[in-house]
Amino acid sequence: MWYVISSFVVILITWFAHFFPRYYFSELALSFSPYRIILLVIGLILSLIYINKYRKARKLWTTFPWWQGFAGLFTLLFGILFLIYSNQFTHFYTNTITPFQTHTGDLKVLFANIHKDNTDYTWIQNLIVQQDPDMLMFVEFADHHYEHLKIFLNKNYPYTNSTTRSKTFVWSTVFSKYKIENWADDFKQWMRRYGYFSVSFGDKDYYFYLVHTSSPDSYAHFVMRNEQLKTFDQNFALHEKTRPDDKVVVVGDFNLTPWSAYYTDMNKTFSGKLVDVSKQFPILFTRGLFAFPLVQAHIDHLWISSGVHLDGLQNIGMPGSDHKAYLFDIEK
C-alpha cells in the first residue's frame, strides 16, 4: 500500500510545485525534476502492480468498479506530469554540442566552482597546465588554495581580481594573462558579491560577470539567494540600459536550475540579449552531491551576448570538486 501512497505524494508535490513554483518547498522539488520523473515512473509501475494484485485477491474489479477509475486517474495524473516535464527538457536543451576547436588567438577560459574544502592542489595545477587557459575564473576559491598555488599562479597569471569577501572565507577570483579592469565597485552589491570586470582582447573589450549565489539549502539561504539574484538583475539591467552594445559573458554557480521560476526571471532580465549556451548539452548536470553522487543538478550556467562568439564549449571534471567545469574559447 505504501507504493500507492508514496506515488500519490510525489504526484501531489509535483502538482504543487508546478502551480506554486516560488515557494521554497517547490524550488527544492523543481531543482531535481529528472529524479522526480524517475520516482513517478517507478511509483506508477509499482502502484499499478499492487493495485492489480489487491484487486485480484479481493475480487474488487467487478464488485467495486471505482478501482478502475482509481487506476485510470492515477495513470492520467502521471501521464500529464510526464508530458509537462518531458516538454520542459526538450524545450530547454538543444541536444547539440559545439565541437571544441582551439584556434590560435582565441581567448581560452576555464570556469569552475573549485569547492572551498578542495585539497587536490596538485591535480588542480595539472589540469590548468594541461588545458593552458588564458583566464581562470573560480568561485569558492579559499586562502588555502592560494597558499598552495600562488607560485604557479603568480608566474603564469600576472593579473588577478577578486570580490570583497563575504562573511565566510571563500570568494570569487579571476586569474588572467591579460590585464583586468575591475568594475564591481561601481555597483552596491550584497553579501557574496559577484565579480564584474572587463578584459581587452584584440581590439575588443569583453565584460565578464562571475557570479556565485547562496545555495538554497535552507529557507534563509533561499531568501538570500533570491535577494542576490534580484540585485544582480537590477545591476545588469542598468548595464544594458547604459551600454547595450557591450560584449558580455555571464558565468557562475547560480544555484539555480532551468526549471526554477527564478531562472525564468533572469531570462526576462536578459530580454533575449544573452543566451544560455550551457543548454546545448543534452540534459546537463553540473553539480553532484559527494555523499550521493547520483543526485545531480544543473546549476552552473554560461550566458553570452550576441557579440560574443564561441569556438567551442566543453564540460570537464574539476579534481576534488562537486562541480564540473566549463572550458570555452572566445573567438578573437
Protein backbone atom coordinates (compact mmCIF):
# COMPACT_ATOMS: atom_id res chain seq x y z
CA MET A 1 0.00 0.00 0.00
CA TRP A 2 2.90 2.34 0.67
CA TYR A 3 3.73 2.22 -3.06
CA VAL A 4 0.40 3.87 -3.83
CA ILE A 5 0.64 6.40 -1.01
CA SER A 6 4.23 7.36 -1.86
CA SER A 7 3.45 7.71 -5.53
CA PHE A 8 0.47 9.96 -4.85
CA VAL A 9 2.60 12.06 -2.50
CA VAL A 10 5.16 12.57 -5.28
CA ILE A 11 2.38 13.45 -7.71
CA LEU A 12 0.86 15.96 -5.29
CA ILE A 13 4.26 17.53 -4.63
CA THR A 14 4.86 17.83 -8.35
CA TRP A 15 1.49 19.46 -8.98
CA PHE A 16 2.03 21.88 -6.09
CA ALA A 17 5.48 22.83 -7.42
CA HIS A 18 4.02 23.33 -10.88
CA PHE A 19 1.26 25.74 -9.78
CA PHE A 20 3.16 27.44 -6.93
CA PRO A 21 6.77 27.48 -8.17
CA ARG A 22 8.07 30.33 -5.99
CA TYR A 23 7.76 28.60 -2.65
CA TYR A 24 10.92 27.21 -1.05
CA PHE A 25 9.45 23.72 -0.99
CA SER A 26 8.61 23.99 -4.69
CA GLU A 27 12.10 25.23 -5.53
CA LEU A 28 13.65 22.12 -3.98
CA ALA A 29 11.25 19.86 -5.87
CA LEU A 30 11.82 21.61 -9.18
CA SER A 31 15.61 21.52 -8.73
CA PHE A 32 15.59 17.75 -9.02
CA SER A 33 12.99 17.36 -11.74
CA PRO A 34 14.77 14.46 -13.53
CA TYR A 35 14.77 12.37 -10.36
CA ARG A 36 11.18 13.20 -9.60
CA ILE A 37 10.20 11.89 -13.03
CA ILE A 38 12.10 8.67 -12.31
CA LEU A 39 10.28 8.36 -8.98
CA LEU A 40 6.99 8.91 -10.76
CA VAL A 41 7.74 6.14 -13.27
CA ILE A 42 8.83 3.69 -10.56
CA GLY A 43 5.91 4.63 -8.36
CA LEU A 44 3.45 4.23 -11.21
CA ILE A 45 4.68 0.76 -12.10
CA LEU A 46 4.81 -0.50 -8.50
CA SER A 47 1.46 1.04 -7.63
CA LEU A 48 -0.33 -0.45 -10.61
CA ILE A 49 1.17 -3.84 -9.80
CA TYR A 50 -0.02 -3.52 -6.21
CA ILE A 51 -3.48 -2.35 -7.27
CA ASN A 52 -3.82 -5.26 -9.66
CA LYS A 53 -2.74 -7.83 -7.05
CA TYR A 54 -5.04 -6.31 -4.43
CA ARG A 55 -7.87 -6.27 -6.92
CA LYS A 56 -7.41 -9.93 -7.78
CA ALA A 57 -7.08 -11.00 -4.14
CA ARG A 58 -10.23 -9.17 -3.10
CA LYS A 59 -12.07 -9.65 -6.41
CA LEU A 60 -12.73 -5.93 -6.46
CA TRP A 61 -12.68 -5.29 -10.19
CA THR A 62 -16.31 -6.19 -10.74
CA THR A 63 -17.58 -5.67 -7.22
CA PHE A 64 -16.12 -2.16 -6.94
CA PRO A 65 -15.71 -0.57 -10.38
CA TRP A 66 -14.21 2.53 -8.75
CA TRP A 67 -10.90 0.66 -8.66
CA GLN A 68 -10.83 1.02 -12.42
CA GLY A 69 -11.38 4.73 -12.02
CA PHE A 70 -8.70 4.90 -9.34
CA ALA A 71 -6.12 3.23 -11.57
CA GLY A 72 -7.20 5.38 -14.52
CA LEU A 73 -6.96 8.62 -12.53
CA PHE A 74 -3.55 7.64 -11.21
CA THR A 75 -2.28 6.92 -14.73
CA LEU A 76 -3.81 10.14 -16.10
CA LEU A 77 -2.21 12.32 -13.41
CA PHE A 78 1.15 10.71 -14.03
CA GLY A 79 0.83 10.97 -17.80
CA ILE A 80 0.07 14.69 -17.70
CA LEU A 81 3.02 15.38 -15.40
CA PHE A 82 5.33 13.28 -17.54
CA LEU A 83 4.33 15.21 -20.66
CA ILE A 84 4.77 18.56 -18.90
CA TYR A 85 8.27 17.86 -17.65
CA SER A 86 9.39 15.95 -20.72
CA ASN A 87 8.42 19.02 -22.75
CA GLN A 88 10.44 21.23 -20.39
CA PHE A 89 13.56 19.15 -21.04
CA THR A 90 13.14 19.03 -24.81
CA HIS A 91 12.29 22.74 -24.88
CA PHE A 92 15.34 23.82 -22.87
CA TYR A 93 18.10 21.57 -24.20
CA THR A 94 19.08 21.83 -27.85
CA ASN A 95 20.69 18.36 -27.86
CA THR A 96 23.65 19.58 -29.88
CA ILE A 97 27.20 20.09 -28.68
CA THR A 98 29.52 22.61 -30.30
CA PRO A 99 32.79 20.88 -31.27
CA PHE A 100 35.70 22.28 -29.31
CA GLN A 101 38.28 23.56 -31.79
CA THR A 102 41.02 25.72 -30.33
CA HIS A 103 42.25 28.32 -32.76
CA THR A 104 45.39 30.40 -32.40
CA GLY A 105 44.50 33.76 -30.93
CA ASP A 106 41.29 32.69 -29.17
CA LEU A 107 40.68 33.70 -25.55
CA LYS A 108 40.54 30.41 -23.66
CA VAL A 109 38.61 30.49 -20.37
CA LEU A 110 38.28 27.91 -17.59
CA PHE A 111 35.44 28.39 -15.11
CA ALA A 112 34.77 26.19 -12.08
CA ASN A 113 33.36 26.09 -8.59
CA ILE A 114 36.58 24.81 -7.11
CA HIS A 115 34.89 23.86 -3.77
CA LYS A 116 36.05 25.56 -0.60
CA ASP A 117 37.36 22.33 1.00
CA ASN A 118 39.13 21.03 -2.09
CA THR A 119 42.70 19.96 -1.27
CA ASP A 120 43.64 18.33 -4.58
CA TYR A 121 46.12 21.13 -5.27
CA THR A 122 48.46 19.12 -7.50
CA TRP A 123 45.63 17.81 -9.66
CA ILE A 124 44.16 21.29 -9.99
CA GLN A 125 47.51 22.67 -11.13
CA ASN A 126 47.98 19.76 -13.54
CA LEU A 127 44.57 20.45 -15.07
CA ILE A 128 45.45 24.11 -15.56
CA VAL A 129 48.79 23.17 -17.15
CA GLN A 130 47.11 20.63 -19.41
CA GLN A 131 44.38 22.99 -20.63
CA ASP A 132 46.52 26.16 -20.53
CA PRO A 133 43.63 28.68 -20.40
CA ASP A 134 44.20 32.40 -20.71
CA MET A 135 41.79 33.10 -17.87
CA LEU A 136 40.85 31.17 -14.74
CA MET A 137 37.52 32.05 -13.16
CA PHE A 138 36.99 30.33 -9.81
CA VAL A 139 34.27 30.54 -7.18
CA GLU A 140 34.72 29.17 -3.65
CA PHE A 141 38.42 29.94 -4.02
CA ALA A 142 39.86 29.97 -0.49
CA ASP A 143 43.04 31.10 1.26
CA HIS A 144 44.48 27.59 1.38
CA HIS A 145 44.08 27.25 -2.40
CA TYR A 146 46.08 30.39 -2.97
CA GLU A 147 48.78 29.37 -0.47
CA HIS A 148 49.41 26.13 -2.35
CA LEU A 149 49.05 27.52 -5.88
CA LYS A 150 50.34 31.10 -5.60
CA ILE A 151 53.83 30.43 -7.03
CA PHE A 152 52.36 28.80 -10.10
CA LEU A 153 49.56 31.33 -10.46
CA ASN A 154 51.74 34.41 -9.96
CA LYS A 155 54.19 33.14 -12.55
CA ASN A 156 51.62 32.30 -15.25
CA TYR A 157 48.74 34.66 -14.48
CA PRO A 158 50.08 38.11 -13.55
CA TYR A 159 46.65 39.80 -13.41
CA THR A 160 44.05 38.96 -10.82
CA ASN A 161 40.84 40.32 -9.38
CA SER A 162 38.64 39.10 -6.55
CA THR A 163 35.42 40.17 -4.91
CA THR A 164 35.25 41.68 -1.47
CA ARG A 165 34.90 38.78 0.91
CA SER A 166 31.64 37.67 2.37
CA LYS A 167 31.27 36.60 6.00
CA THR A 168 32.94 33.31 5.08
CA PHE A 169 36.48 32.79 3.86
CA VAL A 170 35.65 32.00 0.26
CA TRP A 171 35.30 34.36 -2.65
CA SER A 172 35.19 34.65 -6.43
CA THR A 173 38.54 35.18 -8.12
CA VAL A 174 39.84 35.55 -11.66
CA PHE A 175 43.44 34.99 -12.77
CA SER A 176 44.38 36.24 -16.21
CA LYS A 177 47.21 36.55 -18.69
CA TYR A 178 45.54 39.76 -19.88
CA LYS A 179 45.08 42.97 -17.93
CA ILE A 180 41.85 43.18 -15.92
CA GLU A 181 39.85 46.31 -15.25
CA ASN A 182 37.60 45.98 -12.20
CA TRP A 183 34.08 47.43 -12.40
CA ALA A 184 32.49 45.69 -9.41
CA ASP A 185 32.82 48.66 -7.08
CA ASP A 186 30.57 50.74 -9.36
CA PHE A 187 27.58 48.81 -8.04
CA LYS A 188 26.41 48.49 -4.49
CA GLN A 189 26.37 44.76 -4.00
CA TRP A 190 25.13 42.39 -1.35
CA MET A 191 26.76 39.55 0.54
CA ARG A 192 28.77 37.15 -1.61
CA ARG A 193 29.06 39.90 -4.19
CA TYR A 194 29.85 38.92 -7.74
CA GLY A 195 32.89 39.74 -9.82
CA TYR A 196 32.39 42.28 -12.60
CA PHE A 197 35.36 43.22 -14.75
CA SER A 198 36.49 43.73 -18.32
CA VAL A 199 39.38 42.37 -20.35
CA SER A 200 40.76 43.93 -23.51
CA PHE A 201 41.46 41.20 -26.02
CA GLY A 202 42.50 42.04 -29.56
CA ASP A 203 40.70 45.24 -30.40
CA LYS A 204 37.62 44.40 -28.30
CA ASP A 205 36.57 44.80 -24.69
CA TYR A 206 34.76 41.89 -23.04
CA TYR A 207 32.73 42.38 -19.88
CA PHE A 208 32.59 39.43 -17.51
CA TYR A 209 30.25 38.72 -14.62
CA LEU A 210 31.50 35.98 -12.29
CA VAL A 211 28.53 35.00 -10.14
CA HIS A 212 28.13 32.77 -7.11
CA THR A 213 24.87 32.95 -5.22
CA SER A 214 23.96 31.33 -1.93
CA SER A 215 22.90 27.69 -2.06
CA PRO A 216 19.19 27.31 -1.12
CA ASP A 217 19.95 24.51 1.35
CA SER A 218 17.80 26.27 3.95
CA TYR A 219 14.94 28.75 3.81
CA ALA A 220 17.21 31.59 4.99
CA HIS A 221 19.72 30.81 2.24
CA PHE A 222 16.87 30.53 -0.26
CA VAL A 223 15.81 34.08 0.61
CA MET A 224 19.44 35.22 0.47
CA ARG A 225 19.95 33.71 -2.98
CA ASN A 226 16.81 35.39 -4.31
CA GLU A 227 17.97 38.77 -2.97
CA GLN A 228 21.35 38.26 -4.62
CA LEU A 229 19.70 37.38 -7.93
CA LYS A 230 17.44 40.42 -7.63
CA THR A 231 20.43 42.69 -7.02
CA PHE A 232 22.29 41.19 -9.95
CA ASP A 233 19.25 41.59 -12.21
CA GLN A 234 18.94 45.27 -11.29
CA ASN A 235 22.62 45.94 -11.89
CA PHE A 236 22.66 44.11 -15.20
CA ALA A 237 19.56 46.00 -16.35
CA LEU A 238 21.45 49.24 -15.64
CA HIS A 239 24.45 47.94 -17.62
CA GLU A 240 22.20 47.00 -20.55
CA LYS A 241 20.49 50.38 -20.47
CA THR A 242 23.69 52.46 -20.42
CA ARG A 243 25.91 50.26 -22.64
CA PRO A 244 23.72 47.95 -24.72
CA ASP A 245 26.42 47.11 -27.28
CA ASP A 246 28.94 45.67 -24.80
CA LYS A 247 30.20 42.15 -25.37
CA VAL A 248 29.09 40.36 -22.20
CA VAL A 249 29.84 36.97 -20.64
CA VAL A 250 27.92 35.91 -17.53
CA VAL A 251 29.15 32.71 -15.92
CA GLY A 252 28.88 31.19 -12.48
CA ASP A 253 27.33 28.89 -9.96
CA PHE A 254 23.86 30.40 -9.71
CA ASN A 255 22.46 27.57 -7.53
CA LEU A 256 19.55 27.81 -9.91
CA THR A 257 18.17 25.13 -12.22
CA PRO A 258 16.48 25.80 -15.57
CA TRP A 259 13.18 24.61 -14.09
CA SER A 260 13.09 27.35 -11.45
CA ALA A 261 10.74 30.34 -11.71
CA TYR A 262 13.70 32.49 -10.67
CA TYR A 263 15.67 31.26 -13.68
CA THR A 264 12.76 32.42 -15.83
CA ASP A 265 13.04 35.83 -14.16
CA MET A 266 16.71 36.04 -15.15
CA ASN A 267 15.90 35.26 -18.76
CA LYS A 268 13.34 38.06 -18.70
CA THR A 269 16.01 40.43 -17.36
CA PHE A 270 18.32 39.43 -20.19
CA SER A 271 15.43 40.07 -22.62
CA GLY A 272 16.91 37.84 -25.29
CA LYS A 273 20.17 39.84 -25.23
CA LEU A 274 22.02 36.94 -23.62
CA VAL A 275 21.80 33.23 -24.45
CA ASP A 276 22.49 30.39 -22.01
CA VAL A 277 24.89 28.26 -24.06
CA SER A 278 25.02 25.56 -21.38
CA LYS A 279 21.68 24.40 -22.80
CA GLN A 280 23.48 22.86 -25.78
CA PHE A 281 24.38 19.84 -23.66
CA PRO A 282 21.72 17.10 -23.65
CA ILE A 283 20.44 17.14 -20.04
CA LEU A 284 23.47 18.67 -18.34
CA PHE A 285 24.24 18.05 -14.68
CA THR A 286 26.95 20.33 -13.35
CA ARG A 287 26.83 19.54 -9.64
CA GLY A 288 26.62 16.26 -7.76
CA LEU A 289 26.46 15.60 -4.04
CA PHE A 290 29.59 14.00 -2.62
CA ALA A 291 27.55 11.77 -0.30
CA PHE A 292 25.02 10.92 -3.01
CA PRO A 293 26.85 11.15 -6.37
CA LEU A 294 23.79 10.01 -8.32
CA VAL A 295 21.89 13.11 -7.18
CA GLN A 296 22.91 15.91 -9.52
CA ALA A 297 21.51 19.19 -10.80
CA HIS A 298 22.14 21.81 -13.49
CA ILE A 299 23.03 24.94 -11.51
CA ASP A 300 26.10 26.33 -13.33
CA HIS A 301 25.34 28.47 -16.37
CA LEU A 302 27.13 30.39 -19.10
CA TRP A 303 25.31 33.28 -20.78
CA ILE A 304 26.82 35.25 -23.68
CA SER A 305 25.65 38.26 -25.67
CA SER A 306 25.23 38.22 -29.43
CA GLY A 307 28.55 39.99 -29.88
CA VAL A 308 30.47 37.12 -28.25
CA HIS A 309 31.30 34.14 -30.45
CA LEU A 310 32.49 30.85 -29.01
CA ASP A 311 34.68 28.48 -30.97
CA GLY A 312 33.67 25.72 -28.60
CA LEU A 313 32.45 24.71 -25.18
CA GLN A 314 33.41 21.71 -23.07
CA ASN A 315 32.12 20.37 -19.79
CA ILE A 316 35.02 18.79 -17.90
CA GLY A 317 35.67 17.34 -14.46
CA MET A 318 37.28 19.53 -11.79
CA PRO A 319 39.53 17.49 -9.45
CA GLY A 320 38.31 17.49 -5.85
CA SER A 321 35.17 19.50 -6.57
CA ASP A 322 31.50 18.57 -6.53
CA HIS A 323 31.04 20.72 -9.65
CA LYS A 324 32.06 20.20 -13.23
CA ALA A 325 33.96 22.96 -15.02
CA TYR A 326 33.34 24.88 -18.22
CA LEU A 327 36.14 25.29 -20.75
CA PHE A 328 35.36 27.64 -23.61
CA ASP A 329 37.10 29.64 -26.32
CA ILE A 330 36.05 33.17 -27.20
CA GLU A 331 36.74 33.89 -30.85
CA LYS A 332 39.08 36.82 -31.44
